[in-house]
Amino acid sequence: RQMVNNQDASPEGKVALLGVVSLLEGLIKEKTGQDG
């Protein structure tokens, strides 16, 4: 998330990083039982 917020990151890089953030959120929700 800090990398996404970095102003030096390219738009394409931010999109790729947001995909990683989404993947991590899913893994964290799965492990904490917050899948709904």
PDB file of all heavy atoms in Angstrom:
ATOM      1  N   ARG A   1       0.839  -1.212   0.000  1.00  0.00           N
ATOM      2  CA  ARG A   1       0.000   0.000   0.000  1.00  0.00           C
ATOM      3  C   ARG A   1       0.873   1.262   0.000  1.00  0.00           C
ATOM      4  O   ARG A   1       0.535   2.249  -0.652  1.00  0.00           O
ATOM      5  CB  ARG A   1      -0.927   0.020   1.206  1.00  0.00           C
ATOM      6  CG  ARG A   1      -2.124  -0.888   1.076  1.00  0.00           C
ATOM      7  CD  ARG A   1      -3.034  -0.732   2.295  1.00  0.00           C
ATOM      8  NE  ARG A   1      -4.056  -1.741   2.306  1.00  0.00           N
ATOM      9  CZ  ARG A   1      -5.256  -1.588   1.738  1.00  0.00           C
ATOM     10  NH1 ARG A   1      -5.545  -0.483   1.113  1.00  0.00           N
ATOM     11  NH2 ARG A   1      -6.134  -2.559   1.806  1.00  0.00           N
ATOM     12  N   GLN A   2       1.973   1.224   0.722  1.00  0.00           N
ATOM     13  CA  GLN A   2       2.888   2.369   0.727  1.00  0.00           C
ATOM     14  C   GLN A   2       3.481   2.586  -0.658  1.00  0.00           C
ATOM     15  O   GLN A   2       3.656   3.724  -1.095  1.00  0.00           O
ATOM     16  CB  GLN A   2       3.981   2.169   1.773  1.00  0.00           C
ATOM     17  CG  GLN A   2       3.478   2.276   3.197  1.00  0.00           C
ATOM     18  CD  GLN A   2       4.510   1.881   4.241  1.00  0.00           C
ATOM     19  OE1 GLN A   2       5.535   1.268   3.930  1.00  0.00           O
ATOM     20  NE2 GLN A   2       4.245   2.238   5.493  1.00  0.00           N
ATOM     21  N   MET A   3       3.778   1.503  -1.358  1.00  0.00           N
ATOM     22  CA  MET A   3       4.297   1.622  -2.725  1.00  0.00           C
ATOM     23  C   MET A   3       3.244   2.235  -3.649  1.00  0.00           C
ATOM     24  O   MET A   3       3.572   3.034  -4.536  1.00  0.00           O
ATOM     25  CB  MET A   3       4.711   0.251  -3.254  1.00  0.00           C
ATOM     26  CG  MET A   3       5.934  -0.328  -2.609  1.00  0.00           C
ATOM     27  SD  MET A   3       6.276  -1.935  -3.385  1.00  0.00           S
ATOM     28  CE  MET A   3       7.034  -2.794  -2.039  1.00  0.00           C
ATOM     29  N   VAL A   4       1.988   1.852  -3.466  1.00  0.00           N
ATOM     30  CA  VAL A   4       0.899   2.403  -4.280  1.00  0.00           C
ATOM     31  C   VAL A   4       0.800   3.903  -4.050  1.00  0.00           C
ATOM     32  O   VAL A   4       0.581   4.676  -4.986  1.00  0.00           O
ATOM     33  CB  VAL A   4      -0.449   1.710  -3.955  1.00  0.00           C
ATOM     34  CG1 VAL A   4      -1.619   2.447  -4.598  1.00  0.00           C
ATOM     35  CG2 VAL A   4      -0.427   0.257  -4.397  1.00  0.00           C
ATOM     36  N   ASN A   5       0.962   4.335  -2.813  1.00  0.00           N
ATOM     37  CA  ASN A   5       0.835   5.747  -2.473  1.00  0.00           C
ATOM     38  C   ASN A   5       2.065   6.569  -2.858  1.00  0.00           C
ATOM     39  O   ASN A   5       2.020   7.798  -2.803  1.00  0.00           O
ATOM     40  CB  ASN A   5       0.548   5.909  -0.980  1.00  0.00           C
ATOM     41  CG  ASN A   5      -0.825   5.373  -0.617  1.00  0.00           C
ATOM     42  OD1 ASN A   5      -1.744   5.405  -1.422  1.00  0.00           O
ATOM     43  ND2 ASN A   5      -0.959   4.868   0.595  1.00  0.00           N
ATOM     44  N   ASN A   6       3.137   5.918  -3.282  1.00  0.00           N
ATOM     45  CA  ASN A   6       4.352   6.609  -3.687  1.00  0.00           C
ATOM     46  C   ASN A   6       4.084   7.376  -4.987  1.00  0.00           C
ATOM     47  O   ASN A   6       3.632   6.802  -5.965  1.00  0.00           O
ATOM     48  CB  ASN A   6       5.485   5.600  -3.895  1.00  0.00           C
ATOM     49  CG  ASN A   6       6.803   6.254  -4.227  1.00  0.00           C
ATOM     50  OD1 ASN A   6       6.871   7.427  -4.555  1.00  0.00           O
ATOM     51  ND2 ASN A   6       7.855   5.465  -4.139  1.00  0.00           N
ATOM     52  N   GLN A   7       4.372   8.665  -4.979  1.00  0.00           N
ATOM     53  CA  GLN A   7       4.109   9.504  -6.151  1.00  0.00           C
ATOM     54  C   GLN A   7       4.995   9.145  -7.336  1.00  0.00           C
ATOM     55  O   GLN A   7       4.680   9.478  -8.472  1.00  0.00           O
ATOM     56  CB  GLN A   7       4.273  10.979  -5.792  1.00  0.00           C
ATOM     57  CG  GLN A   7       3.230  11.472  -4.819  1.00  0.00           C
ATOM     58  CD  GLN A   7       3.432  12.937  -4.445  1.00  0.00           C
ATOM     59  OE1 GLN A   7       4.444  13.527  -4.758  1.00  0.00           O
ATOM     60  NE2 GLN A   7       2.446  13.493  -3.755  1.00  0.00           N
ATOM     61  N   ASP A   8       6.102   8.489  -7.091  1.00  0.00           N
ATOM     62  CA  ASP A   8       7.019   8.118  -8.173  1.00  0.00           C
ATOM     63  C   ASP A   8       6.579   6.864  -8.926  1.00  0.00           C
ATOM     64  O   ASP A   8       7.138   6.556  -9.982  1.00  0.00           O
ATOM     65  CB  ASP A   8       8.426   7.906  -7.626  1.00  0.00           C
ATOM     66  CG  ASP A   8       9.041   9.196  -7.086  1.00  0.00           C
ATOM     67  OD1 ASP A   8       8.656  10.283  -7.574  1.00  0.00           O
ATOM     68  OD2 ASP A   8       9.887   9.116  -6.178  1.00  0.00           O
ATOM     69  N   ALA A   9       5.602   6.156  -8.396  1.00  0.00           N
ATOM     70  CA  ALA A   9       5.144   4.929  -9.045  1.00  0.00           C
ATOM     71  C   ALA A   9       4.335   5.273 -10.293  1.00  0.00           C
ATOM     72  O   ALA A   9       3.524   6.197 -10.296  1.00  0.00           O
ATOM     73  CB  ALA A   9       4.297   4.103  -8.091  1.00  0.00           C
ATOM     74  N   SER A  10       4.568   4.535 -11.361  1.00  0.00           N
ATOM     75  CA  SER A  10       3.829   4.768 -12.611  1.00  0.00           C
ATOM     76  C   SER A  10       2.389   4.291 -12.449  1.00  0.00           C
ATOM     77  O   SER A  10       2.091   3.437 -11.598  1.00  0.00           O
ATOM     78  CB  SER A  10       4.493   4.012 -13.756  1.00  0.00           C
ATOM     79  OG  SER A  10       4.310   2.615 -13.597  1.00  0.00           O
ATOM     80  N   PRO A  11       1.486   4.810 -13.263  1.00  0.00           N
ATOM     81  CA  PRO A  11       0.089   4.344 -13.200  1.00  0.00           C
ATOM     82  C   PRO A  11      -0.039   2.834 -13.429  1.00  0.00           C
ATOM     83  O   PRO A  11      -0.821   2.165 -12.755  1.00  0.00           O
ATOM     84  CB  PRO A  11      -0.605   5.132 -14.313  1.00  0.00           C
ATOM     85  CG  PRO A  11       0.214   6.373 -14.468  1.00  0.00           C
ATOM     86  CD  PRO A  11       1.629   5.939 -14.193  1.00  0.00           C
ATOM     87  N   GLU A  12       0.759   2.301 -14.353  1.00  0.00           N
ATOM     88  CA  GLU A  12       0.715   0.862 -14.619  1.00  0.00           C
ATOM     89  C   GLU A  12       1.205   0.069 -13.407  1.00  0.00           C
ATOM     90  O   GLU A  12       0.664  -0.981 -13.074  1.00  0.00           O
ATOM     91  CB  GLU A  12       1.571   0.504 -15.845  1.00  0.00           C
ATOM     92  CG  GLU A  12       1.090   1.097 -17.141  1.00  0.00           C
ATOM     93  CD  GLU A  12       1.589   2.523 -17.377  1.00  0.00           C
ATOM     94  OE1 GLU A  12       2.476   3.011 -16.633  1.00  0.00           O
ATOM     95  OE2 GLU A  12       1.090   3.167 -18.303  1.00  0.00           O
ATOM     96  N   GLY A  13       2.244   0.601 -12.772  1.00  0.00           N
ATOM     97  CA  GLY A  13       2.763  -0.045 -11.572  1.00  0.00           C
ATOM     98  C   GLY A  13       1.760  -0.033 -10.441  1.00  0.00           C
ATOM     99  O   GLY A  13       1.611  -1.017  -9.712  1.00  0.00           O
ATOM    100  N   LYS A  14       1.044   1.085 -10.308  1.00  0.00           N
ATOM    101  CA  LYS A  14       0.030   1.185  -9.256  1.00  0.00           C
ATOM    102  C   LYS A  14      -1.096   0.188  -9.480  1.00  0.00           C
ATOM    103  O   LYS A  14      -1.579  -0.431  -8.538  1.00  0.00           O
ATOM    104  CB  LYS A  14      -0.519   2.606  -9.179  1.00  0.00           C
ATOM    105  CG  LYS A  14       0.472   3.589  -8.586  1.00  0.00           C
ATOM    106  CD  LYS A  14      -0.119   4.962  -8.445  1.00  0.00           C
ATOM    107  CE  LYS A  14       0.925   5.901  -7.847  1.00  0.00           C
ATOM    108  NZ  LYS A  14       0.356   7.193  -7.486  1.00  0.00           N
ATOM    109  N   VAL A  15      -1.489   0.008 -10.740  1.00  0.00           N
ATOM    110  CA  VAL A  15      -2.546  -0.962 -11.046  1.00  0.00           C
ATOM    111  C   VAL A  15      -2.093  -2.371 -10.665  1.00  0.00           C
ATOM    112  O   VAL A  15      -2.842  -3.134 -10.045  1.00  0.00           O
ATOM    113  CB  VAL A  15      -2.946  -0.893 -12.540  1.00  0.00           C
ATOM    114  CG1 VAL A  15      -3.843  -2.058 -12.929  1.00  0.00           C
ATOM    115  CG2 VAL A  15      -3.636   0.430 -12.841  1.00  0.00           C
ATOM    116  N   ALA A  16      -0.864  -2.710 -11.016  1.00  0.00           N
ATOM    117  CA  ALA A  16      -0.334  -4.032 -10.675  1.00  0.00           C
ATOM    118  C   ALA A  16      -0.259  -4.210  -9.164  1.00  0.00           C
ATOM    119  O   ALA A  16      -0.625  -5.265  -8.632  1.00  0.00           O
ATOM    120  CB  ALA A  16       1.042  -4.222 -11.299  1.00  0.00           C
ATOM    121  N   LEU A  17       0.196  -3.178  -8.463  1.00  0.00           N
ATOM    122  CA  LEU A  17       0.300  -3.261  -7.006  1.00  0.00           C
ATOM    123  C   LEU A  17      -1.075  -3.378  -6.353  1.00  0.00           C
ATOM    124  O   LEU A  17      -1.235  -4.085  -5.353  1.00  0.00           O
ATOM    125  CB  LEU A  17       1.046  -2.045  -6.457  1.00  0.00           C
ATOM    126  CG  LEU A  17       2.543  -1.996  -6.781  1.00  0.00           C
ATOM    127  CD1 LEU A  17       3.121  -0.639  -6.397  1.00  0.00           C
ATOM    128  CD2 LEU A  17       3.289  -3.114  -6.075  1.00  0.00           C
ATOM    129  N   LEU A  18      -2.069  -2.695  -6.916  1.00  0.00           N
ATOM    130  CA  LEU A  18      -3.418  -2.814  -6.366  1.00  0.00           C
ATOM    131  C   LEU A  18      -3.954  -4.231  -6.511  1.00  0.00           C
ATOM    132  O   LEU A  18      -4.702  -4.712  -5.663  1.00  0.00           O
ATOM    133  CB  LEU A  18      -4.356  -1.804  -7.032  1.00  0.00           C
ATOM    134  CG  LEU A  18      -4.139  -0.354  -6.608  1.00  0.00           C
ATOM    135  CD1 LEU A  18      -4.984   0.583  -7.476  1.00  0.00           C
ATOM    136  CD2 LEU A  18      -4.466  -0.155  -5.137  1.00  0.00           C
ATOM    137  N   GLY A  19      -3.546  -4.913  -7.571  1.00  0.00           N
ATOM    138  CA  GLY A  19      -3.911  -6.330  -7.720  1.00  0.00           C
ATOM    139  C   GLY A  19      -3.304  -7.170  -6.615  1.00  0.00           C
ATOM    140  O   GLY A  19      -3.951  -8.073  -6.072  1.00  0.00           O
ATOM    141  N   VAL A  20      -2.074  -6.861  -6.251  1.00  0.00           N
ATOM    142  CA  VAL A  20      -1.406  -7.574  -5.155  1.00  0.00           C
ATOM    143  C   VAL A  20      -2.106  -7.279  -3.832  1.00  0.00           C
ATOM    144  O   VAL A  20      -2.333  -8.183  -3.020  1.00  0.00           O
ATOM    145  CB  VAL A  20       0.096  -7.198  -5.085  1.00  0.00           C
ATOM    146  CG1 VAL A  20       0.753  -7.808  -3.863  1.00  0.00           C
ATOM    147  CG2 VAL A  20       0.808  -7.621  -6.351  1.00  0.00           C
ATOM    148  N   VAL A  21      -2.483  -6.010  -3.631  1.00  0.00           N
ATOM    149  CA  VAL A  21      -3.202  -5.643  -2.402  1.00  0.00           C
ATOM    150  C   VAL A  21      -4.503  -6.425  -2.311  1.00  0.00           C
ATOM    151  O   VAL A  21      -4.856  -6.953  -1.257  1.00  0.00           O
ATOM    152  CB  VAL A  21      -3.477  -4.119  -2.342  1.00  0.00           C
ATOM    153  CG1 VAL A  21      -4.441  -3.774  -1.227  1.00  0.00           C
ATOM    154  CG2 VAL A  21      -2.176  -3.345  -2.163  1.00  0.00           C
ATOM    155  N   SER A  22      -5.213  -6.525  -3.418  1.00  0.00           N
ATOM    156  CA  SER A  22      -6.472  -7.272  -3.440  1.00  0.00           C
ATOM    157  C   SER A  22      -6.258  -8.744  -3.102  1.00  0.00           C
ATOM    158  O   SER A  22      -7.018  -9.338  -2.320  1.00  0.00           O
ATOM    159  CB  SER A  22      -7.119  -7.139  -4.816  1.00  0.00           C
ATOM    160  OG  SER A  22      -8.310  -7.855  -4.887  1.00  0.00           O
ATOM    161  N   LEU A  23      -5.223  -9.332  -3.672  1.00  0.00           N
ATOM    162  CA  LEU A  23      -4.892 -10.732  -3.377  1.00  0.00           C
ATOM    163  C   LEU A  23      -4.587 -10.908  -1.893  1.00  0.00           C
ATOM    164  O   LEU A  23      -5.093 -11.839  -1.248  1.00  0.00           O
ATOM    165  CB  LEU A  23      -3.698 -11.178  -4.216  1.00  0.00           C
ATOM    166  CG  LEU A  23      -3.125 -12.543  -3.874  1.00  0.00           C
ATOM    167  CD1 LEU A  23      -4.055 -13.642  -4.352  1.00  0.00           C
ATOM    168  CD2 LEU A  23      -1.752 -12.711  -4.476  1.00  0.00           C
ATOM    169  N   LEU A  24      -3.792 -10.016  -1.349  1.00  0.00           N
ATOM    170  CA  LEU A  24      -3.436 -10.096   0.072  1.00  0.00           C
ATOM    171  C   LEU A  24      -4.662  -9.926   0.959  1.00  0.00           C
ATOM    172  O   LEU A  24      -4.812 -10.634   1.961  1.00  0.00           O
ATOM    173  CB  LEU A  24      -2.370  -9.053   0.414  1.00  0.00           C
ATOM    174  CG  LEU A  24      -0.994  -9.305  -0.210  1.00  0.00           C
ATOM    175  CD1 LEU A  24      -0.118  -8.069  -0.066  1.00  0.00           C
ATOM    176  CD2 LEU A  24      -0.332 -10.512   0.411  1.00  0.00           C
ATOM    177  N   GLU A  25      -5.553  -9.001   0.596  1.00  0.00           N
ATOM    178  CA  GLU A  25      -6.780  -8.810   1.373  1.00  0.00           C
ATOM    179  C   GLU A  25      -7.602 -10.095   1.413  1.00  0.00           C
ATOM    180  O   GLU A  25      -8.134 -10.474   2.455  1.00  0.00           O
ATOM    181  CB  GLU A  25      -7.615  -7.677   0.790  1.00  0.00           C
ATOM    182  CG  GLU A  25      -7.103  -6.307   1.109  1.00  0.00           C
ATOM    183  CD  GLU A  25      -7.928  -5.196   0.466  1.00  0.00           C
ATOM    184  OE1 GLU A  25      -8.896  -5.489  -0.266  1.00  0.00           O
ATOM    185  OE2 GLU A  25      -7.586  -4.038   0.707  1.00  0.00           O
ATOM    186  N   GLY A  26      -7.693 -10.767   0.265  1.00  0.00           N
ATOM    187  CA  GLY A  26      -8.428 -12.030   0.211  1.00  0.00           C
ATOM    188  C   GLY A  26      -7.808 -13.093   1.099  1.00  0.00           C
ATOM    189  O   GLY A  26      -8.520 -13.805   1.815  1.00  0.00           O
ATOM    190  N   LEU A  27      -6.492 -13.196   1.065  1.00  0.00           N
ATOM    191  CA  LEU A  27      -5.808 -14.177   1.916  1.00  0.00           C
ATOM    192  C   LEU A  27      -6.008 -13.864   3.395  1.00  0.00           C
ATOM    193  O   LEU A  27      -6.234 -14.761   4.209  1.00  0.00           O
ATOM    194  CB  LEU A  27      -4.317 -14.218   1.584  1.00  0.00           C
ATOM    195  CG  LEU A  27      -3.949 -14.788   0.217  1.00  0.00           C
ATOM    196  CD1 LEU A  27      -2.473 -14.558  -0.078  1.00  0.00           C
ATOM    197  CD2 LEU A  27      -4.294 -16.259   0.151  1.00  0.00           C
ATOM    198  N   ILE A  28      -5.923 -12.588   3.738  1.00  0.00           N
ATOM    199  CA  ILE A  28      -6.096 -12.182   5.141  1.00  0.00           C
ATOM    200  C   ILE A  28      -7.528 -12.457   5.597  1.00  0.00           C
ATOM    201  O   ILE A  28      -7.741 -12.995   6.686  1.00  0.00           O
ATOM    202  CB  ILE A  28      -5.713 -10.696   5.322  1.00  0.00           C
ATOM    203  CG1 ILE A  28      -4.199 -10.533   5.141  1.00  0.00           C
ATOM    204  CG2 ILE A  28      -6.165 -10.174   6.676  1.00  0.00           C
ATOM    205  CD1 ILE A  28      -3.741  -9.085   5.005  1.00  0.00           C
ATOM    206  N   LYS A  29      -8.498 -12.128   4.766  1.00  0.00           N
ATOM    207  CA  LYS A  29      -9.899 -12.380   5.131  1.00  0.00           C
ATOM    208  C   LYS A  29     -10.153 -13.872   5.310  1.00  0.00           C
ATOM    209  O   LYS A  29     -10.870 -14.285   6.208  1.00  0.00           O
ATOM    210  CB  LYS A  29     -10.835 -11.802   4.076  1.00  0.00           C
ATOM    211  CG  LYS A  29     -10.959 -10.311   4.158  1.00  0.00           C
ATOM    212  CD  LYS A  29     -11.913  -9.782   3.111  1.00  0.00           C
ATOM    213  CE  LYS A  29     -12.029  -8.283   3.208  1.00  0.00           C
ATOM    214  NZ  LYS A  29     -12.945  -7.741   2.201  1.00  0.00           N
ATOM    215  N   GLU A  30      -9.561 -14.661   4.426  1.00  0.00           N
ATOM    216  CA  GLU A  30      -9.727 -16.115   4.522  1.00  0.00           C
ATOM    217  C   GLU A  30      -9.157 -16.644   5.838  1.00  0.00           C
ATOM    218  O   GLU A  30      -9.761 -17.474   6.509  1.00  0.00           O
ATOM    219  CB  GLU A  30      -9.044 -16.786   3.339  1.00  0.00           C
ATOM    220  CG  GLU A  30      -9.225 -18.278   3.296  1.00  0.00           C
ATOM    221  CD  GLU A  30      -8.535 -18.882   2.096  1.00  0.00           C
ATOM    222  OE1 GLU A  30      -8.722 -18.395   0.977  1.00  0.00           O
ATOM    223  OE2 GLU A  30      -7.784 -19.866   2.294  1.00  0.00           O
ATOM    224  N   LYS A  31      -7.975 -16.158   6.201  1.00  0.00           N
ATOM    225  CA  LYS A  31      -7.320 -16.638   7.419  1.00  0.00           C
ATOM    226  C   LYS A  31      -8.011 -16.149   8.686  1.00  0.00           C
ATOM    227  O   LYS A  31      -7.939 -16.794   9.723  1.00  0.00           O
ATOM    228  CB  LYS A  31      -5.849 -16.192   7.452  1.00  0.00           C
ATOM    229  CG  LYS A  31      -4.987 -16.956   6.503  1.00  0.00           C
ATOM    230  CD  LYS A  31      -4.885 -18.385   6.939  1.00  0.00           C
ATOM    231  CE  LYS A  31      -4.085 -19.213   5.995  1.00  0.00           C
ATOM    232  NZ  LYS A  31      -4.205 -20.636   6.256  1.00  0.00           N
ATOM    233  N   THR A  32      -8.675 -14.992   8.613  1.00  0.00           N
ATOM    234  CA  THR A  32      -9.334 -14.450   9.803  1.00  0.00           C
ATOM    235  C   THR A  32     -10.820 -14.783   9.840  1.00  0.00           C
ATOM    236  O   THR A  32     -11.516 -14.392  10.761  1.00  0.00           O
ATOM    237  CB  THR A  32      -9.151 -12.920   9.892  1.00  0.00           C
ATOM    238  OG1 THR A  32      -9.688 -12.318   8.715  1.00  0.00           O
ATOM    239  CG2 THR A  32      -7.699 -12.554  10.066  1.00  0.00           C
ATOM    240  N   GLY A  33     -11.297 -15.501   8.814  1.00  0.00           N
ATOM    241  CA  GLY A  33     -12.706 -15.900   8.803  1.00  0.00           C
ATOM    242  C   GLY A  33     -13.653 -14.758   8.494  1.00  0.00           C
ATOM    243  O   GLY A  33     -14.807 -14.799   8.880  1.00  0.00           O
ATOM    244  N   GLN A  34     -13.186 -13.751   7.778  1.00  0.00           N
ATOM    245  CA  GLN A  34     -14.016 -12.602   7.434  1.00  0.00           C
ATOM    246  C   GLN A  34     -14.503 -12.682   6.000  1.00  0.00           C
ATOM    247  O   GLN A  34     -14.694 -11.679   5.341  1.00  0.00           O
ATOM    248  CB  GLN A  34     -13.234 -11.299   7.627  1.00  0.00           C
ATOM    249  CG  GLN A  34     -12.805 -11.050   9.039  1.00  0.00           C
ATOM    250  CD  GLN A  34     -11.940  -9.800   9.145  1.00  0.00           C
ATOM    251  OE1 GLN A  34     -11.684  -9.111   8.181  1.00  0.00           O
ATOM    252  NE2 GLN A  34     -11.486  -9.527  10.344  1.00  0.00           N
ATOM    253  N   ASP A  35     -14.735 -13.868   5.512  1.00  0.00           N
ATOM    254  CA  ASP A  35     -15.157 -14.056   4.128  1.00  0.00           C
ATOM    255  C   ASP A  35     -16.603 -13.675   3.887  1.00  0.00           C
ATOM    256  O   ASP A  35     -17.036 -13.587   2.759  1.00  0.00           O
ATOM    257  CB  ASP A  35     -14.961 -15.521   3.724  1.00  0.00           C
ATOM    258  CG  ASP A  35     -13.844 -15.685   2.723  1.00  0.00           C
ATOM    259  OD1 ASP A  35     -13.292 -14.673   2.287  1.00  0.00           O
ATOM    260  OD2 ASP A  35     -13.540 -16.831   2.396  1.00  0.00           O
ATOM    261  N   GLY A  36     -17.370 -13.488   4.923  1.00  0.00           N
ATOM    262  CA  GLY A  36     -18.783 -13.170   4.757  1.00  0.00           C
ATOM    263  C   GLY A  36     -19.527 -14.375   4.231  1.00  0.00           C
ATOM    264  O   GLY A  36     -19.346 -15.490   4.696  1.00  0.00           O
TER     265      GLY A  36
END
